[in-house]
Amino acid sequence: PDIAHAVRRLGEHLAAFTVEHFDQAKRALRYLKFTKDYGLVMRVKDGEEVDLRVYTYAD
């Protein structure tokens, strides 16, 4: 979801891809490369029940 907008915008230009679009695609790939180890960490005690609810708006 963090790069969905960039991918959608690049997809709009597939028929007439330019050097600028290629540079933007490389930038998106670099972002993925350098954020692959990012994430959310939740630590709980053994046996503790967790009720996790996540809401997002991805229009």
N, C-alpha and C. Protein backbone atom coordinates (compact mmCIF):
# COMPACT_ATOMS: atom_id res chain seq x y z
N PRO A 1 0.81 -1.22 0.00
CA PRO A 1 0.00 0.00 0.00
C PRO A 1 0.85 1.28 0.00
N ASP A 2 2.07 1.21 0.53
CA ASP A 2 2.87 2.43 0.63
C ASP A 2 3.36 2.94 -0.72
N ILE A 3 3.39 2.09 -1.75
CA ILE A 3 3.80 2.57 -3.07
C ILE A 3 2.70 2.41 -4.11
N ALA A 4 1.51 2.07 -3.67
CA ALA A 4 0.41 1.82 -4.61
C ALA A 4 0.16 3.04 -5.49
N HIS A 5 0.20 4.22 -4.92
CA HIS A 5 -0.06 5.43 -5.70
C HIS A 5 1.01 5.62 -6.77
N ALA A 6 2.26 5.44 -6.39
CA ALA A 6 3.35 5.61 -7.36
C ALA A 6 3.24 4.60 -8.49
N VAL A 7 2.91 3.36 -8.16
CA VAL A 7 2.78 2.32 -9.19
C VAL A 7 1.61 2.64 -10.12
N ARG A 8 0.51 3.10 -9.55
CA ARG A 8 -0.65 3.46 -10.37
C ARG A 8 -0.29 4.58 -11.33
N ARG A 9 0.40 5.60 -10.81
CA ARG A 9 0.77 6.74 -11.66
C ARG A 9 1.74 6.31 -12.77
N LEU A 10 2.69 5.45 -12.45
CA LEU A 10 3.61 4.96 -13.47
C LEU A 10 2.86 4.14 -14.52
N GLY A 11 1.88 3.36 -14.07
CA GLY A 11 1.10 2.55 -14.99
C GLY A 11 0.33 3.37 -16.00
N GLU A 12 0.00 4.59 -15.65
CA GLU A 12 -0.72 5.47 -16.58
C GLU A 12 0.12 5.84 -17.79
N HIS A 13 1.43 5.66 -17.69
CA HIS A 13 2.34 6.11 -18.75
C HIS A 13 3.02 4.95 -19.48
N LEU A 14 2.50 3.75 -19.33
CA LEU A 14 3.17 2.60 -19.95
C LEU A 14 3.25 2.71 -21.47
N ALA A 15 2.25 3.30 -22.09
CA ALA A 15 2.25 3.40 -23.55
C ALA A 15 3.28 4.40 -24.05
N ALA A 16 3.67 5.35 -23.21
CA ALA A 16 4.64 6.37 -23.62
C ALA A 16 5.63 6.61 -22.49
N PHE A 17 6.31 5.55 -22.09
CA PHE A 17 7.26 5.61 -20.98
C PHE A 17 8.48 6.42 -21.38
N THR A 18 8.87 7.39 -20.54
CA THR A 18 10.03 8.25 -20.84
C THR A 18 11.16 7.96 -19.86
N VAL A 19 12.28 8.61 -20.07
CA VAL A 19 13.41 8.48 -19.15
C VAL A 19 13.01 8.96 -17.76
N GLU A 20 12.22 10.01 -17.69
CA GLU A 20 11.75 10.51 -16.39
C GLU A 20 10.91 9.45 -15.67
N HIS A 21 10.05 8.76 -16.40
CA HIS A 21 9.24 7.70 -15.79
C HIS A 21 10.13 6.56 -15.32
N PHE A 22 11.14 6.23 -16.12
CA PHE A 22 12.07 5.18 -15.74
C PHE A 22 12.79 5.55 -14.45
N ASP A 23 13.21 6.80 -14.34
CA ASP A 23 13.88 7.26 -13.11
C ASP A 23 12.93 7.17 -11.91
N GLN A 24 11.67 7.50 -12.12
CA GLN A 24 10.69 7.40 -11.04
C GLN A 24 10.47 5.95 -10.63
N ALA A 25 10.46 5.05 -11.61
CA ALA A 25 10.30 3.62 -11.31
C ALA A 25 11.50 3.12 -10.51
N LYS A 26 12.70 3.55 -10.88
CA LYS A 26 13.90 3.17 -10.12
C LYS A 26 13.82 3.70 -8.69
N ARG A 27 13.30 4.90 -8.54
CA ARG A 27 13.15 5.48 -7.20
C ARG A 27 12.21 4.62 -6.34
N ALA A 28 11.11 4.18 -6.92
CA ALA A 28 10.16 3.33 -6.19
C ALA A 28 10.82 2.01 -5.80
N LEU A 29 11.61 1.44 -6.70
CA LEU A 29 12.31 0.19 -6.39
C LEU A 29 13.36 0.39 -5.30
N ARG A 30 14.06 1.52 -5.34
CA ARG A 30 15.04 1.81 -4.27
C ARG A 30 14.33 1.92 -2.92
N TYR A 31 13.17 2.57 -2.93
CA TYR A 31 12.39 2.70 -1.69
C TYR A 31 12.08 1.31 -1.13
N LEU A 32 11.63 0.41 -1.99
CA LEU A 32 11.33 -0.95 -1.53
C LEU A 32 12.58 -1.65 -1.00
N LYS A 33 13.69 -1.47 -1.70
CA LYS A 33 14.94 -2.11 -1.29
C LYS A 33 15.36 -1.67 0.11
N PHE A 34 15.27 -0.38 0.37
CA PHE A 34 15.79 0.14 1.63
C PHE A 34 14.77 0.13 2.77
N THR A 35 13.54 -0.25 2.50
CA THR A 35 12.54 -0.32 3.57
C THR A 35 12.04 -1.75 3.78
N LYS A 36 12.69 -2.73 3.16
CA LYS A 36 12.21 -4.11 3.25
C LYS A 36 12.25 -4.65 4.68
N ASP A 37 13.09 -4.11 5.53
CA ASP A 37 13.19 -4.60 6.90
C ASP A 37 12.34 -3.79 7.88
N TYR A 38 11.58 -2.83 7.38
CA TYR A 38 10.71 -2.04 8.24
C TYR A 38 9.47 -2.85 8.56
N GLY A 39 8.88 -2.56 9.68
CA GLY A 39 7.64 -3.24 10.04
C GLY A 39 7.14 -2.76 11.38
N LEU A 40 6.05 -3.31 11.79
CA LEU A 40 5.48 -3.01 13.09
C LEU A 40 5.74 -4.20 14.00
N VAL A 41 6.15 -3.92 15.21
CA VAL A 41 6.44 -4.98 16.17
C VAL A 41 5.57 -4.78 17.39
N MET A 42 4.89 -5.83 17.78
CA MET A 42 4.10 -5.81 19.01
C MET A 42 4.62 -6.92 19.91
N ARG A 43 4.93 -6.57 21.11
CA ARG A 43 5.40 -7.58 22.06
C ARG A 43 4.33 -7.74 23.15
N VAL A 44 4.00 -8.98 23.43
CA VAL A 44 3.03 -9.28 24.48
C VAL A 44 3.60 -10.37 25.36
N LYS A 45 3.07 -10.46 26.55
CA LYS A 45 3.50 -11.50 27.47
C LYS A 45 2.95 -12.84 26.99
N ASP A 46 3.68 -13.91 27.28
CA ASP A 46 3.22 -15.25 26.90
C ASP A 46 1.84 -15.51 27.46
N GLY A 47 0.97 -16.02 26.61
CA GLY A 47 -0.38 -16.36 27.03
C GLY A 47 -1.35 -15.19 27.05
N GLU A 48 -0.85 -14.00 26.83
CA GLU A 48 -1.72 -12.83 26.85
C GLU A 48 -2.49 -12.75 25.54
N GLU A 49 -3.79 -12.52 25.64
CA GLU A 49 -4.63 -12.42 24.45
C GLU A 49 -4.54 -11.00 23.88
N VAL A 50 -4.46 -10.92 22.57
CA VAL A 50 -4.35 -9.63 21.92
C VAL A 50 -5.51 -9.47 20.94
N ASP A 51 -6.17 -8.34 21.03
CA ASP A 51 -7.24 -8.01 20.09
C ASP A 51 -6.73 -6.85 19.25
N LEU A 52 -6.25 -7.17 18.07
CA LEU A 52 -5.66 -6.17 17.19
C LEU A 52 -6.64 -5.84 16.08
N ARG A 53 -6.96 -4.57 15.95
CA ARG A 53 -7.84 -4.11 14.87
C ARG A 53 -7.12 -3.02 14.09
N VAL A 54 -7.14 -3.15 12.80
CA VAL A 54 -6.45 -2.20 11.95
C VAL A 54 -7.44 -1.65 10.94
N TYR A 55 -7.47 -0.34 10.81
CA TYR A 55 -8.33 0.31 9.84
C TYR A 55 -7.46 1.16 8.93
N THR A 56 -7.79 1.17 7.67
CA THR A 56 -7.03 1.98 6.73
C THR A 56 -7.96 2.54 5.66
N TYR A 57 -7.55 3.62 5.10
CA TYR A 57 -8.30 4.22 4.01
C TYR A 57 -7.37 4.27 2.81
N ALA A 58 -7.67 3.49 1.81
CA ALA A 58 -6.81 3.43 0.63
C ALA A 58 -7.64 3.72 -0.61
N ASP A 59 -8.03 4.96 -0.75
CA ASP A 59 -8.87 5.34 -1.88
C ASP A 59 -8.07 5.38 -3.16
